[in-house]
Amino acid sequence: MTTDHTQYAPSPNSDMQSCQFWSAHVDALDRHLATDKWALAAVSVVLIACPIARMVTPALLHSLVPDVVRTVLHLV
């Protein structure tokens, strides 16, 4: 992977077609990098959210469901 971005820089006397070429290359690079970033973000969110959801969901259900309903459901 090259880090030299000068090949994508338009020259000062370039016409509109070369600017569109430059823009298309930058957009392609952004789309490529965005996928990696989205995947990393999604994995991070899942790794953080799963343990939190496993702790919060039972506590939330315990606070919302009345004791009578829990007793009846336990008997069934």
N, C-alpha and C. Protein backbone atom coordinates (compact mmCIF):
# COMPACT_ATOMS: atom_id res chain seq x y z
N MET A 1 0.85 -1.19 0.00
CA MET A 1 0.00 0.00 0.00
C MET A 1 0.88 1.23 0.00
N THR A 2 0.67 2.09 -0.96
CA THR A 2 1.48 3.29 -1.04
C THR A 2 0.88 4.39 -0.19
N THR A 3 1.75 5.16 0.41
CA THR A 3 1.30 6.29 1.21
C THR A 3 1.56 7.60 0.51
N ASP A 4 2.12 7.55 -0.70
CA ASP A 4 2.41 8.75 -1.45
C ASP A 4 1.16 9.19 -2.18
N HIS A 5 0.58 10.29 -1.73
CA HIS A 5 -0.67 10.78 -2.31
C HIS A 5 -0.44 11.76 -3.45
N THR A 6 0.82 12.02 -3.81
CA THR A 6 1.08 12.98 -4.87
C THR A 6 0.56 12.49 -6.21
N GLN A 7 0.48 11.19 -6.41
CA GLN A 7 -0.03 10.69 -7.68
C GLN A 7 -1.51 10.99 -7.86
N TYR A 8 -2.21 11.29 -6.79
CA TYR A 8 -3.64 11.62 -6.88
C TYR A 8 -3.89 13.12 -6.88
N ALA A 9 -2.85 13.91 -6.68
CA ALA A 9 -3.02 15.36 -6.62
C ALA A 9 -3.11 15.92 -8.04
N PRO A 10 -4.11 16.76 -8.31
CA PRO A 10 -4.22 17.34 -9.64
C PRO A 10 -3.16 18.42 -9.84
N SER A 11 -2.71 18.56 -11.05
CA SER A 11 -1.74 19.61 -11.35
C SER A 11 -2.46 20.95 -11.44
N PRO A 12 -1.74 22.05 -11.25
CA PRO A 12 -2.40 23.37 -11.28
C PRO A 12 -3.05 23.70 -12.61
N ASN A 13 -2.49 23.21 -13.72
CA ASN A 13 -3.07 23.53 -15.03
C ASN A 13 -3.88 22.36 -15.60
N SER A 14 -4.43 21.52 -14.74
CA SER A 14 -5.18 20.36 -15.22
C SER A 14 -6.59 20.76 -15.61
N ASP A 15 -7.16 19.99 -16.50
CA ASP A 15 -8.52 20.26 -16.94
C ASP A 15 -9.51 19.52 -16.03
N MET A 16 -10.78 19.64 -16.31
CA MET A 16 -11.83 19.07 -15.45
C MET A 16 -11.81 17.55 -15.47
N GLN A 17 -11.42 16.94 -16.57
CA GLN A 17 -11.42 15.48 -16.66
C GLN A 17 -10.42 14.88 -15.68
N SER A 18 -9.25 15.48 -15.52
CA SER A 18 -8.28 14.95 -14.58
C SER A 18 -8.74 15.15 -13.14
N CYS A 19 -9.49 16.22 -12.89
CA CYS A 19 -10.04 16.43 -11.54
C CYS A 19 -11.08 15.37 -11.22
N GLN A 20 -11.88 14.98 -12.21
CA GLN A 20 -12.85 13.92 -11.99
C GLN A 20 -12.15 12.60 -11.75
N PHE A 21 -11.03 12.36 -12.46
CA PHE A 21 -10.23 11.16 -12.25
C PHE A 21 -9.69 11.14 -10.83
N TRP A 22 -9.20 12.28 -10.37
CA TRP A 22 -8.67 12.38 -9.01
C TRP A 22 -9.78 12.13 -7.99
N SER A 23 -10.94 12.72 -8.21
CA SER A 23 -12.07 12.55 -7.30
C SER A 23 -12.53 11.09 -7.26
N ALA A 24 -12.55 10.43 -8.40
CA ALA A 24 -12.97 9.03 -8.44
C ALA A 24 -11.99 8.15 -7.66
N HIS A 25 -10.70 8.46 -7.77
CA HIS A 25 -9.71 7.68 -7.02
C HIS A 25 -9.86 7.91 -5.52
N VAL A 26 -10.07 9.14 -5.12
CA VAL A 26 -10.24 9.44 -3.69
C VAL A 26 -11.51 8.78 -3.16
N ASP A 27 -12.59 8.84 -3.93
CA ASP A 27 -13.83 8.19 -3.51
C ASP A 27 -13.64 6.68 -3.38
N ALA A 28 -12.90 6.08 -4.31
CA ALA A 28 -12.64 4.64 -4.23
C ALA A 28 -11.82 4.30 -2.99
N LEU A 29 -10.83 5.11 -2.69
CA LEU A 29 -10.03 4.88 -1.49
C LEU A 29 -10.90 5.02 -0.24
N ASP A 30 -11.77 6.03 -0.21
CA ASP A 30 -12.64 6.22 0.95
C ASP A 30 -13.59 5.05 1.14
N ARG A 31 -14.14 4.55 0.02
CA ARG A 31 -15.05 3.41 0.14
C ARG A 31 -14.30 2.18 0.63
N HIS A 32 -13.09 1.98 0.17
CA HIS A 32 -12.32 0.82 0.58
C HIS A 32 -11.97 0.90 2.07
N LEU A 33 -11.52 2.06 2.51
CA LEU A 33 -11.16 2.21 3.92
C LEU A 33 -12.39 2.22 4.81
N ALA A 34 -13.49 2.74 4.30
CA ALA A 34 -14.70 2.82 5.12
C ALA A 34 -15.21 1.42 5.47
N THR A 35 -15.07 0.47 4.56
CA THR A 35 -15.53 -0.88 4.84
C THR A 35 -14.74 -1.49 6.00
N ASP A 36 -13.44 -1.31 5.98
CA ASP A 36 -12.62 -1.83 7.07
C ASP A 36 -12.98 -1.16 8.40
N LYS A 37 -13.18 0.14 8.34
CA LYS A 37 -13.53 0.87 9.57
C LYS A 37 -14.90 0.45 10.08
N TRP A 38 -15.86 0.27 9.15
CA TRP A 38 -17.20 -0.17 9.57
C TRP A 38 -17.15 -1.56 10.19
N ALA A 39 -16.37 -2.45 9.61
CA ALA A 39 -16.27 -3.81 10.15
C ALA A 39 -15.63 -3.78 11.53
N LEU A 40 -14.58 -3.00 11.70
CA LEU A 40 -13.94 -2.90 13.01
C LEU A 40 -14.88 -2.29 14.03
N ALA A 41 -15.63 -1.29 13.63
CA ALA A 41 -16.59 -0.66 14.54
C ALA A 41 -17.72 -1.63 14.91
N ALA A 42 -18.20 -2.40 13.94
CA ALA A 42 -19.28 -3.35 14.21
C ALA A 42 -18.82 -4.43 15.17
N VAL A 43 -17.63 -4.96 14.97
CA VAL A 43 -17.11 -5.99 15.88
C VAL A 43 -16.93 -5.42 17.28
N SER A 44 -16.41 -4.20 17.36
CA SER A 44 -16.22 -3.57 18.67
C SER A 44 -17.55 -3.36 19.39
N VAL A 45 -18.55 -2.90 18.65
CA VAL A 45 -19.86 -2.67 19.26
C VAL A 45 -20.46 -3.98 19.76
N VAL A 46 -20.34 -5.03 18.98
CA VAL A 46 -20.89 -6.33 19.39
C VAL A 46 -20.16 -6.85 20.63
N LEU A 47 -18.84 -6.73 20.64
CA LEU A 47 -18.07 -7.22 21.79
C LEU A 47 -18.38 -6.44 23.06
N ILE A 48 -18.71 -5.18 22.93
CA ILE A 48 -19.05 -4.37 24.10
C ILE A 48 -20.51 -4.54 24.48
N ALA A 49 -21.41 -4.63 23.49
CA ALA A 49 -22.85 -4.63 23.76
C ALA A 49 -23.35 -5.96 24.30
N CYS A 50 -22.77 -7.07 23.89
CA CYS A 50 -23.29 -8.38 24.32
C CYS A 50 -23.21 -8.57 25.84
N PRO A 51 -22.07 -8.36 26.47
CA PRO A 51 -22.05 -8.53 27.93
C PRO A 51 -22.95 -7.54 28.66
N ILE A 52 -23.02 -6.32 28.15
CA ILE A 52 -23.88 -5.32 28.78
C ILE A 52 -25.34 -5.73 28.65
N ALA A 53 -25.73 -6.20 27.47
CA ALA A 53 -27.12 -6.63 27.26
C ALA A 53 -27.45 -7.84 28.13
N ARG A 54 -26.48 -8.73 28.32
CA ARG A 54 -26.75 -9.91 29.14
C ARG A 54 -26.91 -9.56 30.61
N MET A 55 -26.37 -8.43 31.04
CA MET A 55 -26.55 -7.99 32.43
C MET A 55 -27.76 -7.09 32.58
N VAL A 56 -28.00 -6.22 31.61
CA VAL A 56 -29.06 -5.22 31.73
C VAL A 56 -30.43 -5.82 31.48
N THR A 57 -30.56 -6.74 30.53
CA THR A 57 -31.87 -7.30 30.18
C THR A 57 -32.55 -7.99 31.36
N PRO A 58 -31.89 -8.89 32.09
CA PRO A 58 -32.56 -9.50 33.23
C PRO A 58 -32.92 -8.49 34.33
N ALA A 59 -32.04 -7.53 34.55
CA ALA A 59 -32.34 -6.51 35.56
C ALA A 59 -33.54 -5.66 35.15
N LEU A 60 -33.62 -5.34 33.89
CA LEU A 60 -34.74 -4.54 33.40
C LEU A 60 -36.04 -5.34 33.46
N LEU A 61 -36.02 -6.61 33.07
CA LEU A 61 -37.22 -7.44 33.16
C LEU A 61 -37.64 -7.63 34.61
N HIS A 62 -36.68 -7.79 35.50
CA HIS A 62 -37.00 -7.97 36.91
C HIS A 62 -37.67 -6.72 37.48
N SER A 63 -37.25 -5.55 37.02
CA SER A 63 -37.85 -4.32 37.53
C SER A 63 -39.21 -4.03 36.90
N LEU A 64 -39.44 -4.51 35.67
CA LEU A 64 -40.69 -4.20 34.98
C LEU A 64 -41.81 -5.21 35.24
N VAL A 65 -41.46 -6.48 35.41
CA VAL A 65 -42.48 -7.51 35.57
C VAL A 65 -42.83 -7.62 37.05
N PRO A 66 -44.12 -7.55 37.38
CA PRO A 66 -44.53 -7.64 38.78
C PRO A 66 -44.23 -9.03 39.38
N ASP A 67 -44.14 -9.08 40.70
CA ASP A 67 -43.85 -10.34 41.40
C ASP A 67 -44.92 -11.39 41.14
N VAL A 68 -46.18 -10.97 41.01
CA VAL A 68 -47.27 -11.92 40.79
C VAL A 68 -47.09 -12.65 39.46
N VAL A 69 -46.74 -11.91 38.42
CA VAL A 69 -46.54 -12.52 37.10
C VAL A 69 -45.36 -13.46 37.15
N ARG A 70 -44.29 -13.08 37.83
CA ARG A 70 -43.14 -13.96 37.93
C ARG A 70 -43.47 -15.25 38.67
N THR A 71 -44.30 -15.15 39.70
CA THR A 71 -44.70 -16.34 40.45
C THR A 71 -45.53 -17.27 39.59
N VAL A 72 -46.49 -16.72 38.84
CA VAL A 72 -47.33 -17.53 37.98
C VAL A 72 -46.49 -18.18 36.88
N LEU A 73 -45.59 -17.43 36.30
CA LEU A 73 -44.73 -18.01 35.25
C LEU A 73 -43.80 -19.07 35.81
N HIS A 74 -43.37 -18.89 37.03
CA HIS A 74 -42.51 -19.90 37.65
C HIS A 74 -43.28 -21.19 37.92
N LEU A 75 -44.56 -21.09 38.25
CA LEU A 75 -45.38 -22.27 38.50
C LEU A 75 -45.71 -23.01 37.21
N VAL A 76 -45.78 -22.29 36.12
CA VAL A 76 -46.10 -22.93 34.84
C VAL A 76 -44.89 -23.64 34.36
